[in-house]
Amino acid sequence: MKDIIAHVAWYEREVARMLESRVMTSSGLWAVGADERNAAIYEESRGMSPEDARAESSRVFRELVEQLELLPDAGYADASRFSGMPGDWKPWELIAGNTFGHYPDHAGAIRRLLDAKG
């Protein structure tokens, strides 16, 4: 569970940074494939305690919400507001895919872990 929490927090942190800086990427991990990126995220958070992962996830989520609230409504559809974002992209799709749209990818694993705990 801790690894999933840390994984999701990494992606949400990246979105929060993008929203704050108005630059599409902040981590070099975006230049590699998803499997390599996810392996690196796992290695980064491997030594984190479950409590630290939860605390970091909460902190990142608050930061994400703050940045989402600061983005003007037009910014959700206007790629030109983000340096490095292809003009035909919709920022809201990138935001969704790396935040709430990412949750279903892990829901099954979380359910199995919770079921195993009883």
N, C-alpha and C. Protein backbone atom coordinates (compact mmCIF):
# COMPACT_ATOMS: atom_id res chain seq x y z
N MET A 1 0.84 -1.19 0.00
CA MET A 1 0.00 0.00 0.00
C MET A 1 0.88 1.25 0.00
N LYS A 2 1.94 1.21 0.80
CA LYS A 2 2.83 2.37 0.88
C LYS A 2 3.42 2.70 -0.48
N ASP A 3 3.79 1.67 -1.23
CA ASP A 3 4.39 1.90 -2.55
C ASP A 3 3.40 2.54 -3.51
N ILE A 4 2.15 2.14 -3.45
CA ILE A 4 1.12 2.73 -4.31
C ILE A 4 0.89 4.19 -3.92
N ILE A 5 0.81 4.45 -2.63
CA ILE A 5 0.62 5.83 -2.16
C ILE A 5 1.77 6.72 -2.63
N ALA A 6 3.00 6.24 -2.48
CA ALA A 6 4.17 7.02 -2.90
C ALA A 6 4.18 7.23 -4.41
N HIS A 7 3.78 6.21 -5.15
CA HIS A 7 3.73 6.28 -6.62
C HIS A 7 2.74 7.35 -7.07
N VAL A 8 1.54 7.30 -6.54
CA VAL A 8 0.51 8.27 -6.92
C VAL A 8 0.93 9.68 -6.50
N ALA A 9 1.53 9.80 -5.33
CA ALA A 9 1.99 11.11 -4.85
C ALA A 9 3.05 11.70 -5.79
N TRP A 10 3.93 10.85 -6.34
CA TRP A 10 4.95 11.34 -7.26
C TRP A 10 4.29 12.02 -8.46
N TYR A 11 3.31 11.35 -9.05
CA TYR A 11 2.63 11.91 -10.22
C TYR A 11 1.87 13.19 -9.86
N GLU A 12 1.23 13.20 -8.72
CA GLU A 12 0.52 14.41 -8.31
C GLU A 12 1.49 15.56 -8.02
N ARG A 13 2.64 15.23 -7.46
CA ARG A 13 3.67 16.26 -7.22
C ARG A 13 4.12 16.86 -8.55
N GLU A 14 4.30 16.03 -9.56
CA GLU A 14 4.71 16.52 -10.87
C GLU A 14 3.67 17.48 -11.46
N VAL A 15 2.40 17.14 -11.30
CA VAL A 15 1.34 18.02 -11.80
C VAL A 15 1.35 19.34 -11.02
N ALA A 16 1.49 19.27 -9.71
CA ALA A 16 1.53 20.49 -8.90
C ALA A 16 2.70 21.37 -9.32
N ARG A 17 3.85 20.76 -9.56
CA ARG A 17 5.02 21.54 -10.00
C ARG A 17 4.77 22.17 -11.36
N MET A 18 4.14 21.40 -12.27
CA MET A 18 3.84 21.93 -13.59
C MET A 18 2.89 23.13 -13.47
N LEU A 19 1.89 23.01 -12.63
CA LEU A 19 0.94 24.09 -12.46
C LEU A 19 1.61 25.32 -11.86
N GLU A 20 2.49 25.11 -10.92
CA GLU A 20 3.16 26.24 -10.27
C GLU A 20 4.15 26.92 -11.22
N SER A 21 4.95 26.13 -11.93
CA SER A 21 6.00 26.70 -12.78
C SER A 21 5.53 27.06 -14.18
N ARG A 22 4.38 26.51 -14.57
CA ARG A 22 3.85 26.65 -15.93
C ARG A 22 4.82 26.07 -16.97
N VAL A 23 5.61 25.09 -16.54
CA VAL A 23 6.52 24.35 -17.41
C VAL A 23 6.05 22.90 -17.38
N MET A 24 5.96 22.28 -18.56
CA MET A 24 5.34 20.98 -18.63
C MET A 24 6.02 19.90 -17.80
N THR A 25 7.33 19.84 -17.78
CA THR A 25 7.98 18.78 -17.01
C THR A 25 9.02 19.36 -16.06
N SER A 26 9.17 18.71 -14.94
CA SER A 26 10.20 19.14 -13.99
C SER A 26 11.16 18.00 -13.68
N SER A 27 10.81 16.78 -14.02
CA SER A 27 11.65 15.63 -13.71
C SER A 27 12.16 15.00 -15.00
N GLY A 28 13.42 14.61 -14.98
CA GLY A 28 13.99 13.89 -16.11
C GLY A 28 13.35 12.53 -16.32
N LEU A 29 12.61 12.06 -15.34
CA LEU A 29 11.96 10.75 -15.48
C LEU A 29 10.89 10.74 -16.57
N TRP A 30 10.42 11.90 -16.99
CA TRP A 30 9.43 11.94 -18.07
C TRP A 30 10.06 11.57 -19.40
N ALA A 31 11.38 11.62 -19.49
CA ALA A 31 12.07 11.31 -20.74
C ALA A 31 12.24 9.81 -20.96
N VAL A 32 11.91 9.00 -19.95
CA VAL A 32 12.04 7.55 -20.08
C VAL A 32 10.65 6.93 -20.14
N GLY A 33 10.59 5.67 -20.51
CA GLY A 33 9.31 4.98 -20.58
C GLY A 33 8.66 4.82 -19.22
N ALA A 34 7.38 4.51 -19.24
CA ALA A 34 6.61 4.41 -18.00
C ALA A 34 7.17 3.34 -17.06
N ASP A 35 7.56 2.19 -17.60
CA ASP A 35 8.08 1.13 -16.72
C ASP A 35 9.37 1.56 -16.03
N GLU A 36 10.27 2.19 -16.79
CA GLU A 36 11.52 2.67 -16.19
C GLU A 36 11.26 3.79 -15.19
N ARG A 37 10.35 4.68 -15.54
CA ARG A 37 9.99 5.78 -14.64
C ARG A 37 9.40 5.23 -13.34
N ASN A 38 8.48 4.29 -13.46
CA ASN A 38 7.85 3.73 -12.27
C ASN A 38 8.84 2.95 -11.41
N ALA A 39 9.80 2.28 -12.03
CA ALA A 39 10.84 1.58 -11.27
C ALA A 39 11.69 2.59 -10.50
N ALA A 40 12.01 3.72 -11.14
CA ALA A 40 12.80 4.76 -10.47
C ALA A 40 12.01 5.39 -9.32
N ILE A 41 10.72 5.60 -9.52
CA ILE A 41 9.87 6.14 -8.45
C ILE A 41 9.86 5.18 -7.27
N TYR A 42 9.74 3.90 -7.56
CA TYR A 42 9.76 2.89 -6.50
C TYR A 42 11.07 2.95 -5.73
N GLU A 43 12.19 3.02 -6.45
CA GLU A 43 13.50 3.08 -5.78
C GLU A 43 13.63 4.33 -4.92
N GLU A 44 13.12 5.46 -5.42
CA GLU A 44 13.17 6.72 -4.66
C GLU A 44 12.42 6.63 -3.33
N SER A 45 11.31 5.92 -3.35
CA SER A 45 10.44 5.90 -2.16
C SER A 45 10.58 4.61 -1.35
N ARG A 46 11.44 3.73 -1.78
CA ARG A 46 11.56 2.41 -1.16
C ARG A 46 11.81 2.46 0.35
N GLY A 47 12.66 3.35 0.80
CA GLY A 47 12.99 3.44 2.21
C GLY A 47 12.02 4.24 3.05
N MET A 48 11.00 4.78 2.42
CA MET A 48 10.02 5.61 3.11
C MET A 48 9.12 4.74 3.99
N SER A 49 8.83 5.21 5.16
CA SER A 49 7.90 4.48 6.03
C SER A 49 6.47 4.70 5.53
N PRO A 50 5.55 3.81 5.89
CA PRO A 50 4.15 4.04 5.51
C PRO A 50 3.61 5.38 6.03
N GLU A 51 4.01 5.75 7.24
CA GLU A 51 3.55 7.02 7.81
C GLU A 51 4.09 8.20 7.00
N ASP A 52 5.37 8.12 6.62
CA ASP A 52 5.95 9.19 5.82
C ASP A 52 5.30 9.29 4.45
N ALA A 53 4.99 8.13 3.85
CA ALA A 53 4.34 8.13 2.54
C ALA A 53 2.96 8.78 2.64
N ARG A 54 2.21 8.45 3.68
CA ARG A 54 0.88 9.06 3.85
C ARG A 54 1.00 10.56 4.08
N ALA A 55 1.95 10.96 4.91
CA ALA A 55 2.13 12.39 5.18
C ALA A 55 2.54 13.14 3.92
N GLU A 56 3.44 12.56 3.15
CA GLU A 56 3.88 13.19 1.90
C GLU A 56 2.72 13.27 0.91
N SER A 57 1.94 12.21 0.83
CA SER A 57 0.79 12.20 -0.07
C SER A 57 -0.21 13.30 0.31
N SER A 58 -0.46 13.45 1.58
CA SER A 58 -1.38 14.50 2.05
C SER A 58 -0.84 15.88 1.73
N ARG A 59 0.45 16.08 1.97
CA ARG A 59 1.08 17.38 1.68
C ARG A 59 1.00 17.68 0.18
N VAL A 60 1.35 16.71 -0.63
CA VAL A 60 1.33 16.90 -2.09
C VAL A 60 -0.09 17.18 -2.57
N PHE A 61 -1.06 16.46 -2.03
CA PHE A 61 -2.44 16.67 -2.45
C PHE A 61 -2.90 18.09 -2.12
N ARG A 62 -2.56 18.58 -0.95
CA ARG A 62 -2.92 19.97 -0.58
C ARG A 62 -2.26 20.95 -1.55
N GLU A 63 -0.99 20.72 -1.87
CA GLU A 63 -0.28 21.58 -2.82
C GLU A 63 -0.95 21.52 -4.20
N LEU A 64 -1.32 20.32 -4.62
CA LEU A 64 -1.99 20.15 -5.91
C LEU A 64 -3.30 20.93 -5.95
N VAL A 65 -4.11 20.79 -4.95
CA VAL A 65 -5.40 21.50 -4.90
C VAL A 65 -5.16 23.01 -4.92
N GLU A 66 -4.18 23.47 -4.17
CA GLU A 66 -3.87 24.91 -4.15
C GLU A 66 -3.51 25.39 -5.56
N GLN A 67 -2.67 24.65 -6.25
CA GLN A 67 -2.26 25.05 -7.59
C GLN A 67 -3.41 24.96 -8.59
N LEU A 68 -4.26 23.96 -8.44
CA LEU A 68 -5.43 23.84 -9.32
C LEU A 68 -6.36 25.04 -9.14
N GLU A 69 -6.52 25.49 -7.91
CA GLU A 69 -7.38 26.63 -7.64
C GLU A 69 -6.80 27.93 -8.19
N LEU A 70 -5.48 28.01 -8.32
CA LEU A 70 -4.84 29.21 -8.84
C LEU A 70 -4.86 29.28 -10.37
N LEU A 71 -5.05 28.15 -11.03
CA LEU A 71 -5.07 28.13 -12.49
C LEU A 71 -6.37 28.75 -12.99
N PRO A 72 -6.27 29.77 -13.82
CA PRO A 72 -7.51 30.35 -14.38
C PRO A 72 -8.26 29.28 -15.17
N ASP A 73 -9.56 29.39 -15.21
CA ASP A 73 -10.38 28.39 -15.91
C ASP A 73 -9.88 28.17 -17.34
N ALA A 74 -9.51 29.23 -18.03
CA ALA A 74 -9.04 29.10 -19.42
C ALA A 74 -7.76 28.27 -19.51
N GLY A 75 -7.00 28.22 -18.44
CA GLY A 75 -5.74 27.48 -18.43
C GLY A 75 -5.91 25.98 -18.55
N TYR A 76 -7.07 25.49 -18.21
CA TYR A 76 -7.31 24.04 -18.29
C TYR A 76 -7.40 23.56 -19.74
N ALA A 77 -7.68 24.47 -20.67
CA ALA A 77 -7.84 24.09 -22.07
C ALA A 77 -6.78 24.71 -22.98
N ASP A 78 -5.90 25.52 -22.45
CA ASP A 78 -4.96 26.30 -23.26
C ASP A 78 -3.52 25.85 -23.03
N ALA A 79 -3.01 25.04 -23.94
CA ALA A 79 -1.65 24.51 -23.81
C ALA A 79 -0.59 25.62 -23.84
N SER A 80 -0.89 26.74 -24.45
CA SER A 80 0.10 27.81 -24.55
C SER A 80 0.45 28.41 -23.19
N ARG A 81 -0.32 28.12 -22.17
CA ARG A 81 -0.03 28.61 -20.83
C ARG A 81 1.08 27.82 -20.15
N PHE A 82 1.54 26.72 -20.80
CA PHE A 82 2.58 25.86 -20.23
C PHE A 82 3.72 25.70 -21.21
N SER A 83 4.88 26.16 -20.82
CA SER A 83 6.07 26.03 -21.65
C SER A 83 6.35 24.56 -21.92
N GLY A 84 6.59 24.24 -23.18
CA GLY A 84 6.94 22.88 -23.54
C GLY A 84 5.76 21.96 -23.83
N MET A 85 4.55 22.45 -23.66
CA MET A 85 3.39 21.61 -23.93
C MET A 85 2.99 21.75 -25.39
N PRO A 86 2.86 20.63 -26.09
CA PRO A 86 2.41 20.71 -27.49
C PRO A 86 1.08 21.46 -27.60
N GLY A 87 0.97 22.28 -28.62
CA GLY A 87 -0.19 23.15 -28.78
C GLY A 87 -1.52 22.44 -28.91
N ASP A 88 -1.51 21.19 -29.38
CA ASP A 88 -2.77 20.48 -29.55
C ASP A 88 -3.18 19.70 -28.30
N TRP A 89 -2.40 19.77 -27.26
CA TRP A 89 -2.75 19.09 -26.00
C TRP A 89 -3.71 19.95 -25.20
N LYS A 90 -4.47 19.30 -24.37
CA LYS A 90 -5.36 19.97 -23.42
C LYS A 90 -4.79 19.75 -22.02
N PRO A 91 -4.40 20.82 -21.33
CA PRO A 91 -3.83 20.66 -19.99
C PRO A 91 -4.71 19.84 -19.05
N TRP A 92 -6.02 19.99 -19.13
CA TRP A 92 -6.90 19.25 -18.22
C TRP A 92 -6.74 17.75 -18.42
N GLU A 93 -6.46 17.30 -19.64
CA GLU A 93 -6.27 15.86 -19.88
C GLU A 93 -5.00 15.36 -19.21
N LEU A 94 -3.93 16.15 -19.29
CA LEU A 94 -2.68 15.78 -18.64
C LEU A 94 -2.86 15.80 -17.12
N ILE A 95 -3.54 16.80 -16.62
CA ILE A 95 -3.81 16.90 -15.17
C ILE A 95 -4.62 15.69 -14.72
N ALA A 96 -5.71 15.42 -15.41
CA ALA A 96 -6.58 14.30 -15.03
C ALA A 96 -5.84 12.97 -15.09
N GLY A 97 -5.09 12.76 -16.15
CA GLY A 97 -4.39 11.49 -16.33
C GLY A 97 -3.35 11.19 -15.29
N ASN A 98 -2.84 12.22 -14.65
CA ASN A 98 -1.79 12.04 -13.64
C ASN A 98 -2.29 12.30 -12.23
N THR A 99 -3.60 12.49 -12.08
CA THR A 99 -4.20 12.67 -10.74
C THR A 99 -5.38 11.70 -10.64
N PHE A 100 -6.59 12.20 -10.59
CA PHE A 100 -7.75 11.33 -10.35
C PHE A 100 -7.96 10.28 -11.45
N GLY A 101 -7.54 10.56 -12.66
CA GLY A 101 -7.66 9.58 -13.73
C GLY A 101 -6.68 8.42 -13.58
N HIS A 102 -5.70 8.62 -12.75
CA HIS A 102 -4.67 7.61 -12.48
C HIS A 102 -5.12 6.64 -11.39
N TYR A 103 -6.04 7.05 -10.55
CA TYR A 103 -6.47 6.24 -9.41
C TYR A 103 -7.02 4.87 -9.82
N PRO A 104 -7.86 4.78 -10.85
CA PRO A 104 -8.40 3.46 -11.21
C PRO A 104 -7.31 2.44 -11.59
N ASP A 105 -6.17 2.92 -12.06
CA ASP A 105 -5.07 2.01 -12.40
C ASP A 105 -4.61 1.22 -11.19
N HIS A 106 -4.84 1.74 -9.99
CA HIS A 106 -4.34 1.12 -8.77
C HIS A 106 -5.45 0.65 -7.82
N ALA A 107 -6.68 0.93 -8.17
CA ALA A 107 -7.79 0.59 -7.28
C ALA A 107 -7.88 -0.91 -7.02
N GLY A 108 -7.68 -1.72 -8.04
CA GLY A 108 -7.75 -3.17 -7.86
C GLY A 108 -6.70 -3.67 -6.89
N ALA A 109 -5.48 -3.19 -7.01
CA ALA A 109 -4.41 -3.61 -6.10
C ALA A 109 -4.71 -3.17 -4.67
N ILE A 110 -5.25 -1.98 -4.52
CA ILE A 110 -5.60 -1.49 -3.18
C ILE A 110 -6.71 -2.34 -2.58
N ARG A 111 -7.71 -2.65 -3.39
CA ARG A 111 -8.80 -3.51 -2.89
C ARG A 111 -8.26 -4.86 -2.44
N ARG A 112 -7.37 -5.47 -3.23
CA ARG A 112 -6.79 -6.77 -2.86
C ARG A 112 -6.00 -6.67 -1.56
N LEU A 113 -5.25 -5.60 -1.41
CA LEU A 113 -4.49 -5.42 -0.16
C LEU A 113 -5.42 -5.26 1.03
N LEU A 114 -6.47 -4.47 0.86
CA LEU A 114 -7.41 -4.28 1.96
C LEU A 114 -8.16 -5.57 2.29
N ASP A 115 -8.55 -6.31 1.24
CA ASP A 115 -9.23 -7.58 1.47
C ASP A 115 -8.33 -8.57 2.21
N ALA A 116 -7.04 -8.56 1.87
CA ALA A 116 -6.09 -9.46 2.52
C ALA A 116 -5.91 -9.12 4.00
N LYS A 117 -6.04 -7.83 4.32
CA LYS A 117 -5.94 -7.40 5.73
C LYS A 117 -7.19 -7.74 6.51
N GLY A 118 -8.30 -7.96 5.79
CA GLY A 118 -9.55 -8.30 6.46
C GLY A 118 -10.28 -7.09 6.80
